[in-house]
């Protein structure tokens, strides 16, 4: 397969993802899969991603201490996750 065909196939797949609005689902699957690497083992032991909907990443913390820690690092995590995803898909974080 030539590089032109591969490039065209990639464009078609990206258009399909946008057309079907699968971007958040794919991004969330990647985030869940790489969560420990993204946030670190200690953080991942106490906070887990629940869903990504309408640009809002929903997280669950196992205690109020970790919920507070997450709130302190909220913008840093948004920036890190958007960098990981390669686009600004996460606008906000909600934590419970």
PDB file of N, CA and C in Angstrom:
ATOM      1  N   UNK A   1       0.861  -1.172   0.000  1.00  0.00           N
ATOM      2  CA  UNK A   1       0.000   0.000   0.000  1.00  0.00           C
ATOM      3  C   UNK A   1       0.905   1.231   0.000  1.00  0.00           C
ATOM      4  N   UNK A   2       0.632   2.167  -0.892  1.00  0.00           N
ATOM      5  CA  UNK A   2       1.461   3.371  -0.986  1.00  0.00           C
ATOM      6  C   UNK A   2       1.130   4.334   0.146  1.00  0.00           C
ATOM      7  N   UNK A   3       2.062   5.256   0.391  1.00  0.00           N
ATOM      8  CA  UNK A   3       1.841   6.227   1.469  1.00  0.00           C
ATOM      9  C   UNK A   3       0.654   7.136   1.161  1.00  0.00           C
ATOM     10  N   UNK A   4       0.374   7.381  -0.132  1.00  0.00           N
ATOM     11  CA  UNK A   4      -0.803   8.180  -0.501  1.00  0.00           C
ATOM     12  C   UNK A   4      -2.091   7.464  -0.099  1.00  0.00           C
ATOM     13  N   UNK A   5      -2.136   6.157  -0.313  1.00  0.00           N
ATOM     14  CA  UNK A   5      -3.324   5.380   0.064  1.00  0.00           C
ATOM     15  C   UNK A   5      -3.502   5.353   1.578  1.00  0.00           C
ATOM     16  N   UNK A   6      -2.403   5.217   2.305  1.00  0.00           N
ATOM     17  CA  UNK A   6      -2.471   5.214   3.770  1.00  0.00           C
ATOM     18  C   UNK A   6      -2.947   6.565   4.267  1.00  0.00           C
ATOM     19  N   UNK A   7      -2.406   7.639   3.693  1.00  0.00           N
ATOM     20  CA  UNK A   7      -2.817   8.991   4.082  1.00  0.00           C
ATOM     21  C   UNK A   7      -4.306   9.196   3.803  1.00  0.00           C
ATOM     22  N   UNK A   8      -4.774   8.746   2.651  1.00  0.00           N
ATOM     23  CA  UNK A   8      -6.188   8.886   2.295  1.00  0.00           C
ATOM     24  C   UNK A   8      -7.067   8.078   3.237  1.00  0.00           C
ATOM     25  N   UNK A   9      -6.636   6.868   3.585  1.00  0.00           N
ATOM     26  CA  UNK A   9      -7.395   6.032   4.504  1.00  0.00           C
ATOM     27  C   UNK A   9      -7.494   6.706   5.874  1.00  0.00           C
ATOM     28  N   UNK A  10      -6.404   7.297   6.336  1.00  0.00           N
ATOM     29  CA  UNK A  10      -6.410   8.004   7.619  1.00  0.00           C
ATOM     30  C   UNK A  10      -7.395   9.168   7.584  1.00  0.00           C
ATOM     31  N   UNK A  11      -7.419   9.913   6.495  1.00  0.00           N
ATOM     32  CA  UNK A  11      -8.367  11.028   6.356  1.00  0.00           C
ATOM     33  C   UNK A  11      -9.804  10.530   6.379  1.00  0.00           C
ATOM     34  N   UNK A  12     -10.079   9.435   5.695  1.00  0.00           N
ATOM     35  CA  UNK A  12     -11.429   8.868   5.657  1.00  0.00           C
ATOM     36  C   UNK A  12     -11.859   8.431   7.055  1.00  0.00           C
ATOM     37  N   UNK A  13     -10.966   7.770   7.774  1.00  0.00           N
ATOM     38  CA  UNK A  13     -11.281   7.324   9.134  1.00  0.00           C
ATOM     39  C   UNK A  13     -11.553   8.524  10.030  1.00  0.00           C
ATOM     40  N   UNK A  14     -10.712   9.554   9.959  1.00  0.00           N
ATOM     41  CA  UNK A  14     -10.923  10.758  10.772  1.00  0.00           C
ATOM     42  C   UNK A  14     -12.245  11.440  10.436  1.00  0.00           C
ATOM     43  N   UNK A  15     -12.608  11.482   9.166  1.00  0.00           N
ATOM     44  CA  UNK A  15     -13.893  12.072   8.771  1.00  0.00           C
ATOM     45  C   UNK A  15     -15.052  11.248   9.316  1.00  0.00           C
ATOM     46  N   UNK A  16     -14.921   9.932   9.282  1.00  0.00           N
ATOM     47  CA  UNK A  16     -15.964   9.051   9.810  1.00  0.00           C
ATOM     48  C   UNK A  16     -16.120   9.250  11.317  1.00  0.00           C
ATOM     49  N   UNK A  17     -15.010   9.360  12.020  1.00  0.00           N
ATOM     50  CA  UNK A  17     -15.054   9.586  13.474  1.00  0.00           C
ATOM     51  C   UNK A  17     -15.797  10.878  13.780  1.00  0.00           C
ATOM     52  N   UNK A  18     -15.498  11.939  13.033  1.00  0.00           N
ATOM     53  CA  UNK A  18     -16.190  13.219  13.255  1.00  0.00           C
ATOM     54  C   UNK A  18     -17.653  13.130  12.859  1.00  0.00           C
ATOM     55  N   UNK A  19     -17.944  12.526  11.721  1.00  0.00           N
ATOM     56  CA  UNK A  19     -19.316  12.406  11.237  1.00  0.00           C
ATOM     57  C   UNK A  19     -20.190  11.635  12.222  1.00  0.00           C
ATOM     58  N   UNK A  20     -19.666  10.564  12.760  1.00  0.00           N
ATOM     59  CA  UNK A  20     -20.429   9.727  13.688  1.00  0.00           C
ATOM     60  C   UNK A  20     -20.308  10.197  15.142  1.00  0.00           C
ATOM     61  N   UNK A  21     -19.523  11.259  15.367  1.00  0.00           N
ATOM     62  CA  UNK A  21     -19.332  11.825  16.706  1.00  0.00           C
ATOM     63  C   UNK A  21     -18.777  10.788  17.685  1.00  0.00           C
ATOM     64  N   UNK A  22     -17.753  10.045  17.220  1.00  0.00           N
ATOM     65  CA  UNK A  22     -17.115   9.026  18.039  1.00  0.00           C
ATOM     66  C   UNK A  22     -15.877   9.558  18.757  1.00  0.00           C
ATOM     67  N   UNK A  23     -15.533  10.820  18.569  1.00  0.00           N
ATOM     68  CA  UNK A  23     -14.294  11.377  19.112  1.00  0.00           C
ATOM     69  C   UNK A  23     -14.159  11.221  20.611  1.00  0.00           C
ATOM     70  N   UNK A  24     -15.206  11.560  21.350  1.00  0.00           N
ATOM     71  CA  UNK A  24     -15.140  11.446  22.807  1.00  0.00           C
ATOM     72  C   UNK A  24     -15.001   9.994  23.251  1.00  0.00           C
ATOM     73  N   UNK A  25     -15.713   9.122  22.609  1.00  0.00           N
ATOM     74  CA  UNK A  25     -15.640   7.703  22.987  1.00  0.00           C
ATOM     75  C   UNK A  25     -14.253   7.132  22.776  1.00  0.00           C
ATOM     76  N   UNK A  26     -13.653   7.476  21.663  1.00  0.00           N
ATOM     77  CA  UNK A  26     -12.296   7.010  21.375  1.00  0.00           C
ATOM     78  C   UNK A  26     -11.308   7.630  22.350  1.00  0.00           C
ATOM     79  N   UNK A  27     -11.447   8.938  22.600  1.00  0.00           N
ATOM     80  CA  UNK A  27     -10.557   9.619  23.543  1.00  0.00           C
ATOM     81  C   UNK A  27     -10.685   9.013  24.937  1.00  0.00           C
ATOM     82  N   UNK A  28     -11.913   8.744  25.368  1.00  0.00           N
ATOM     83  CA  UNK A  28     -12.117   8.175  26.704  1.00  0.00           C
ATOM     84  C   UNK A  28     -11.512   6.773  26.813  1.00  0.00           C
ATOM     85  N   UNK A  29     -11.659   5.983  25.772  1.00  0.00           N
ATOM     86  CA  UNK A  29     -11.061   4.639  25.781  1.00  0.00           C
ATOM     87  C   UNK A  29      -9.544   4.725  25.918  1.00  0.00           C
ATOM     88  N   UNK A  30      -8.929   5.671  25.213  1.00  0.00           N
ATOM     89  CA  UNK A  30      -7.472   5.859  25.309  1.00  0.00           C
ATOM     90  C   UNK A  30      -7.083   6.323  26.713  1.00  0.00           C
ATOM     91  N   UNK A  31      -7.861   7.250  27.266  1.00  0.00           N
ATOM     92  CA  UNK A  31      -7.572   7.761  28.613  1.00  0.00           C
ATOM     93  C   UNK A  31      -7.652   6.634  29.639  1.00  0.00           C
ATOM     94  N   UNK A  32      -8.713   5.837  29.585  1.00  0.00           N
ATOM     95  CA  UNK A  32      -8.856   4.720  30.533  1.00  0.00           C
ATOM     96  C   UNK A  32      -7.712   3.724  30.394  1.00  0.00           C
ATOM     97  N   UNK A  33      -7.342   3.447  29.165  1.00  0.00           N
ATOM     98  CA  UNK A  33      -6.285   2.473  28.895  1.00  0.00           C
ATOM     99  C   UNK A  33      -4.926   2.946  29.430  1.00  0.00           C
ATOM    100  N   UNK A  34      -4.660   4.226  29.347  1.00  0.00           N
ATOM    101  CA  UNK A  34      -3.357   4.778  29.730  1.00  0.00           C
ATOM    102  C   UNK A  34      -3.415   5.599  31.026  1.00  0.00           C
ATOM    103  N   UNK A  35      -4.476   5.457  31.802  1.00  0.00           N
ATOM    104  CA  UNK A  35      -4.705   6.288  32.985  1.00  0.00           C
ATOM    105  C   UNK A  35      -3.503   6.293  33.936  1.00  0.00           C
ATOM    106  N   UNK A  36      -2.966   5.138  34.250  1.00  0.00           N
ATOM    107  CA  UNK A  36      -1.831   5.067  35.189  1.00  0.00           C
ATOM    108  C   UNK A  36      -0.634   5.843  34.642  1.00  0.00           C
ATOM    109  N   UNK A  37      -0.355   5.692  33.351  1.00  0.00           N
ATOM    110  CA  UNK A  37       0.773   6.395  32.753  1.00  0.00           C
ATOM    111  C   UNK A  37       0.540   7.905  32.704  1.00  0.00           C
ATOM    112  N   UNK A  38      -0.705   8.310  32.527  1.00  0.00           N
ATOM    113  CA  UNK A  38      -1.032   9.739  32.430  1.00  0.00           C
ATOM    114  C   UNK A  38      -0.925  10.421  33.784  1.00  0.00           C
ATOM    115  N   UNK A  39      -1.519   9.828  34.810  1.00  0.00           N
ATOM    116  CA  UNK A  39      -1.606  10.506  36.111  1.00  0.00           C
ATOM    117  C   UNK A  39      -0.634   9.976  37.162  1.00  0.00           C
ATOM    118  N   UNK A  40      -0.042   8.842  36.896  1.00  0.00           N
ATOM    119  CA  UNK A  40       0.863   8.240  37.872  1.00  0.00           C
ATOM    120  C   UNK A  40       0.142   7.199  38.718  1.00  0.00           C
ATOM    121  N   UNK A  41       0.909   6.242  39.196  1.00  0.00           N
ATOM    122  CA  UNK A  41       0.331   5.107  39.916  1.00  0.00           C
ATOM    123  C   UNK A  41      -0.385   5.518  41.201  1.00  0.00           C
ATOM    124  N   UNK A  42       0.214   6.404  41.989  1.00  0.00           N
ATOM    125  CA  UNK A  42      -0.376   6.822  43.260  1.00  0.00           C
ATOM    126  C   UNK A  42      -1.729   7.495  43.048  1.00  0.00           C
ATOM    127  N   UNK A  43      -1.781   8.410  42.108  1.00  0.00           N
ATOM    128  CA  UNK A  43      -3.017   9.124  41.799  1.00  0.00           C
ATOM    129  C   UNK A  43      -4.075   8.156  41.260  1.00  0.00           C
ATOM    130  N   UNK A  44      -3.649   7.250  40.362  1.00  0.00           N
ATOM    131  CA  UNK A  44      -4.574   6.301  39.732  1.00  0.00           C
ATOM    132  C   UNK A  44      -5.168   5.311  40.727  1.00  0.00           C
ATOM    133  N   UNK A  45      -4.466   5.060  41.834  1.00  0.00           N
ATOM    134  CA  UNK A  45      -4.998   4.157  42.858  1.00  0.00           C
ATOM    135  C   UNK A  45      -6.220   4.741  43.556  1.00  0.00           C
ATOM    136  N   UNK A  46      -6.370   6.068  43.517  1.00  0.00           N
ATOM    137  CA  UNK A  46      -7.423   6.737  44.288  1.00  0.00           C
ATOM    138  C   UNK A  46      -8.468   7.460  43.439  1.00  0.00           C
ATOM    139  N   UNK A  47      -8.148   7.703  42.182  1.00  0.00           N
ATOM    140  CA  UNK A  47      -9.075   8.426  41.309  1.00  0.00           C
ATOM    141  C   UNK A  47      -9.179   7.671  39.990  1.00  0.00           C
ATOM    142  N   UNK A  48     -10.413   7.444  39.541  1.00  0.00           N
ATOM    143  CA  UNK A  48     -10.589   6.720  38.288  1.00  0.00           C
ATOM    144  C   UNK A  48     -11.562   7.455  37.370  1.00  0.00           C
ATOM    145  N   UNK A  49     -11.312   7.387  36.073  1.00  0.00           N
ATOM    146  CA  UNK A  49     -12.216   8.014  35.111  1.00  0.00           C
ATOM    147  C   UNK A  49     -13.495   7.191  34.972  1.00  0.00           C
ATOM    148  N   UNK A  50     -14.638   7.883  34.945  1.00  0.00           N
ATOM    149  CA  UNK A  50     -15.936   7.215  34.849  1.00  0.00           C
ATOM    150  C   UNK A  50     -16.555   7.350  33.457  1.00  0.00           C
ATOM    151  N   UNK A  51     -16.508   8.584  32.907  1.00  0.00           N
ATOM    152  CA  UNK A  51     -17.055   8.811  31.570  1.00  0.00           C
ATOM    153  C   UNK A  51     -16.579  10.168  31.063  1.00  0.00           C
ATOM    154  N   UNK A  52     -16.727  10.358  29.766  1.00  0.00           N
ATOM    155  CA  UNK A  52     -16.438  11.632  29.117  1.00  0.00           C
ATOM    156  C   UNK A  52     -17.666  11.981  28.292  1.00  0.00           C
ATOM    157  N   UNK A  53     -18.319  13.087  28.647  1.00  0.00           N
ATOM    158  CA  UNK A  53     -19.544  13.474  27.949  1.00  0.00           C
ATOM    159  C   UNK A  53     -19.574  14.983  27.778  1.00  0.00           C
ATOM    160  N   UNK A  54     -19.780  15.405  26.538  1.00  0.00           N
ATOM    161  CA  UNK A  54     -19.884  16.828  26.204  1.00  0.00           C
ATOM    162  C   UNK A  54     -18.689  17.637  26.703  1.00  0.00           C
ATOM    163  N   UNK A  55     -17.499  17.048  26.602  1.00  0.00           N
ATOM    164  CA  UNK A  55     -16.287  17.748  26.993  1.00  0.00           C
ATOM    165  C   UNK A  55     -15.998  17.732  28.483  1.00  0.00           C
ATOM    166  N   UNK A  56     -16.828  17.047  29.262  1.00  0.00           N
ATOM    167  CA  UNK A  56     -16.646  16.983  30.715  1.00  0.00           C
ATOM    168  C   UNK A  56     -16.194  15.568  31.083  1.00  0.00           C
ATOM    169  N   UNK A  57     -15.018  15.477  31.691  1.00  0.00           N
ATOM    170  CA  UNK A  57     -14.510  14.200  32.178  1.00  0.00           C
ATOM    171  C   UNK A  57     -14.995  14.005  33.605  1.00  0.00           C
ATOM    172  N   UNK A  58     -15.706  12.923  33.823  1.00  0.00           N
ATOM    173  CA  UNK A  58     -16.236  12.594  35.152  1.00  0.00           C
ATOM    174  C   UNK A  58     -15.294  11.605  35.823  1.00  0.00           C
ATOM    175  N   UNK A  59     -14.860  11.958  37.024  1.00  0.00           N
ATOM    176  CA  UNK A  59     -13.933  11.134  37.790  1.00  0.00           C
ATOM    177  C   UNK A  59     -14.555  10.733  39.118  1.00  0.00           C
ATOM    178  N   UNK A  60     -14.078   9.634  39.670  1.00  0.00           N
ATOM    179  CA  UNK A  60     -14.518   9.180  40.981  1.00  0.00           C
ATOM    180  C   UNK A  60     -13.299   9.047  41.878  1.00  0.00           C
ATOM    181  N   UNK A  61     -13.357   9.700  43.039  1.00  0.00           N
ATOM    182  CA  UNK A  61     -12.284   9.627  44.024  1.00  0.00           C
ATOM    183  C   UNK A  61     -12.736   8.735  45.176  1.00  0.00           C
ATOM    184  N   UNK A  62     -11.779   8.064  45.795  1.00  0.00           N
ATOM    185  CA  UNK A  62     -12.146   7.171  46.889  1.00  0.00           C
ATOM    186  C   UNK A  62     -12.202   7.858  48.255  1.00  0.00           C
ATOM    187  N   UNK A  63     -11.896   9.172  48.307  1.00  0.00           N
ATOM    188  CA  UNK A  63     -12.010   9.902  49.575  1.00  0.00           C
ATOM    189  C   UNK A  63     -12.080  11.404  49.302  1.00  0.00           C
ATOM    190  N   UNK A  64     -12.511  12.147  50.307  1.00  0.00           N
ATOM    191  CA  UNK A  64     -12.577  13.606  50.166  1.00  0.00           C
ATOM    192  C   UNK A  64     -11.182  14.208  50.036  1.00  0.00           C
ATOM    193  N   UNK A  65     -10.193  13.583  50.622  1.00  0.00           N
ATOM    194  CA  UNK A  65      -8.815  14.068  50.501  1.00  0.00           C
ATOM    195  C   UNK A  65      -8.356  14.020  49.051  1.00  0.00           C
ATOM    196  N   UNK A  66      -8.614  12.907  48.376  1.00  0.00           N
ATOM    197  CA  UNK A  66      -8.212  12.777  46.972  1.00  0.00           C
ATOM    198  C   UNK A  66      -9.078  13.649  46.070  1.00  0.00           C
ATOM    199  N   UNK A  67     -10.327  13.841  46.427  1.00  0.00           N
ATOM    200  CA  UNK A  67     -11.199  14.734  45.667  1.00  0.00           C
ATOM    201  C   UNK A  67     -10.630  16.154  45.713  1.00  0.00           C
ATOM    202  N   UNK A  68     -10.205  16.591  46.895  1.00  0.00           N
ATOM    203  CA  UNK A  68      -9.601  17.917  47.051  1.00  0.00           C
ATOM    204  C   UNK A  68      -8.297  18.021  46.264  1.00  0.00           C
ATOM    205  N   UNK A  69      -7.481  16.984  46.344  1.00  0.00           N
ATOM    206  CA  UNK A  69      -6.212  16.965  45.590  1.00  0.00           C
ATOM    207  C   UNK A  69      -6.479  17.086  44.089  1.00  0.00           C
ATOM    208  N   UNK A  70      -7.507  16.415  43.628  1.00  0.00           N
ATOM    209  CA  UNK A  70      -7.856  16.485  42.208  1.00  0.00           C
ATOM    210  C   UNK A  70      -8.300  17.893  41.835  1.00  0.00           C
ATOM    211  N   UNK A  71      -9.088  18.508  42.686  1.00  0.00           N
ATOM    212  CA  UNK A  71      -9.549  19.869  42.406  1.00  0.00           C
ATOM    213  C   UNK A  71      -8.382  20.852  42.322  1.00  0.00           C
ATOM    214  N   UNK A  72      -7.370  20.653  43.153  1.00  0.00           N
ATOM    215  CA  UNK A  72      -6.184  21.507  43.118  1.00  0.00           C
ATOM    216  C   UNK A  72      -5.446  21.350  41.788  1.00  0.00           C
ATOM    217  N   UNK A  73      -5.407  20.128  41.275  1.00  0.00           N
ATOM    218  CA  UNK A  73      -4.661  19.826  40.040  1.00  0.00           C
ATOM    219  C   UNK A  73      -5.533  19.810  38.788  1.00  0.00           C
ATOM    220  N   UNK A  74      -6.749  20.254  38.895  1.00  0.00           N
ATOM    221  CA  UNK A  74      -7.737  20.148  37.822  1.00  0.00           C
ATOM    222  C   UNK A  74      -7.233  20.689  36.473  1.00  0.00           C
ATOM    223  N   UNK A  75      -6.780  21.927  36.436  1.00  0.00           N
ATOM    224  CA  UNK A  75      -6.360  22.513  35.166  1.00  0.00           C
ATOM    225  C   UNK A  75      -5.117  21.818  34.606  1.00  0.00           C
ATOM    226  N   UNK A  76      -4.213  21.438  35.486  1.00  0.00           N
ATOM    227  CA  UNK A  76      -3.023  20.714  35.059  1.00  0.00           C
ATOM    228  C   UNK A  76      -3.409  19.395  34.394  1.00  0.00           C
ATOM    229  N   UNK A  77      -4.370  18.695  34.982  1.00  0.00           N
ATOM    230  CA  UNK A  77      -4.820  17.420  34.420  1.00  0.00           C
ATOM    231  C   UNK A  77      -5.542  17.637  33.092  1.00  0.00           C
ATOM    232  N   UNK A  78      -6.376  18.656  33.000  1.00  0.00           N
ATOM    233  CA  UNK A  78      -7.056  18.954  31.732  1.00  0.00           C
ATOM    234  C   UNK A  78      -6.018  19.181  30.640  1.00  0.00           C
ATOM    235  N   UNK A  79      -5.017  20.000  30.923  1.00  0.00           N
ATOM    236  CA  UNK A  79      -3.968  20.280  29.939  1.00  0.00           C
ATOM    237  C   UNK A  79      -3.217  19.008  29.545  1.00  0.00           C
ATOM    238  N   UNK A  80      -2.886  18.191  30.526  1.00  0.00           N
ATOM    239  CA  UNK A  80      -2.143  16.957  30.274  1.00  0.00           C
ATOM    240  C   UNK A  80      -2.971  15.976  29.437  1.00  0.00           C
ATOM    241  N   UNK A  81      -4.255  15.846  29.753  1.00  0.00           N
ATOM    242  CA  UNK A  81      -5.123  14.933  29.014  1.00  0.00           C
ATOM    243  C   UNK A  81      -5.351  15.409  27.578  1.00  0.00           C
ATOM    244  N   UNK A  82      -5.543  16.711  27.401  1.00  0.00           N
ATOM    245  CA  UNK A  82      -5.721  17.238  26.045  1.00  0.00           C
ATOM    246  C   UNK A  82      -4.455  17.051  25.220  1.00  0.00           C
ATOM    247  N   UNK A  83      -3.313  17.205  25.842  1.00  0.00           N
ATOM    248  CA  UNK A  83      -2.055  16.954  25.155  1.00  0.00           C
ATOM    249  C   UNK A  83      -1.962  15.481  24.772  1.00  0.00           C
ATOM    250  N   UNK A  84      -2.339  14.606  25.675  1.00  0.00           N
ATOM    251  CA  UNK A  84      -2.340  13.169  25.415  1.00  0.00           C
ATOM    252  C   UNK A  84      -3.269  12.815  24.250  1.00  0.00           C
ATOM    253  N   UNK A  85      -4.450  13.442  24.212  1.00  0.00           N
ATOM    254  CA  UNK A  85      -5.433  13.161  23.159  1.00  0.00           C
ATOM    255  C   UNK A  85      -5.061  13.814  21.829  1.00  0.00           C
ATOM    256  N   UNK A  86      -4.210  14.825  21.875  1.00  0.00           N
ATOM    257  CA  UNK A  86      -3.819  15.505  20.650  1.00  0.00           C
ATOM    258  C   UNK A  86      -4.780  16.584  20.214  1.00  0.00           C
ATOM    259  N   UNK A  87      -5.779  16.875  21.030  1.00  0.00           N
ATOM    260  CA  UNK A  87      -6.712  17.971  20.751  1.00  0.00           C
ATOM    261  C   UNK A  87      -7.428  18.354  22.033  1.00  0.00           C
ATOM    262  N   UNK A  88      -8.052  19.506  22.019  1.00  0.00           N
ATOM    263  CA  UNK A  88      -8.741  20.018  23.217  1.00  0.00           C
ATOM    264  C   UNK A  88     -10.138  19.436  23.321  1.00  0.00           C
ATOM    265  N   UNK A  89     -10.213  18.192  23.701  1.00  0.00           N
ATOM    266  CA  UNK A  89     -11.498  17.515  23.802  1.00  0.00           C
ATOM    267  C   UNK A  89     -12.096  17.655  25.202  1.00  0.00           C
ATOM    268  N   UNK A  90     -11.241  17.827  26.228  1.00  0.00           N
ATOM    269  CA  UNK A  90     -11.719  17.938  27.596  1.00  0.00           C
ATOM    270  C   UNK A  90     -11.753  19.414  27.991  1.00  0.00           C
ATOM    271  N   UNK A  91     -12.945  19.886  28.323  1.00  0.00           N
ATOM    272  CA  UNK A  91     -13.154  21.281  28.691  1.00  0.00           C
ATOM    273  C   UNK A  91     -13.204  21.479  30.209  1.00  0.00           C
ATOM    274  N   UNK A  92     -13.674  20.428  30.912  1.00  0.00           N
ATOM    275  CA  UNK A  92     -13.853  20.535  32.356  1.00  0.00           C
ATOM    276  C   UNK A  92     -13.771  19.144  32.978  1.00  0.00           C
ATOM    277  N   UNK A  93     -13.640  19.140  34.293  1.00  0.00           N
ATOM    278  CA  UNK A  93     -13.620  17.894  35.048  1.00  0.00           C
ATOM    279  C   UNK A  93     -14.616  18.011  36.186  1.00  0.00           C
ATOM    280  N   UNK A  94     -15.408  16.967  36.369  1.00  0.00           N
ATOM    281  CA  UNK A  94     -16.285  16.839  37.536  1.00  0.00           C
ATOM    282  C   UNK A  94     -15.807  15.644  38.313  1.00  0.00           C
ATOM    283  N   UNK A  95     -15.778  15.801  39.630  1.00  0.00           N
ATOM    284  CA  UNK A  95     -15.291  14.701  40.469  1.00  0.00           C
ATOM    285  C   UNK A  95     -16.265  14.443  41.604  1.00  0.00           C
ATOM    286  N   UNK A  96     -16.477  13.198  41.870  1.00  0.00           N
ATOM    287  CA  UNK A  96     -17.334  12.804  42.988  1.00  0.00           C
ATOM    288  C   UNK A  96     -16.636  11.790  43.832  1.00  0.00           C
TER     289      UNK A  96
END
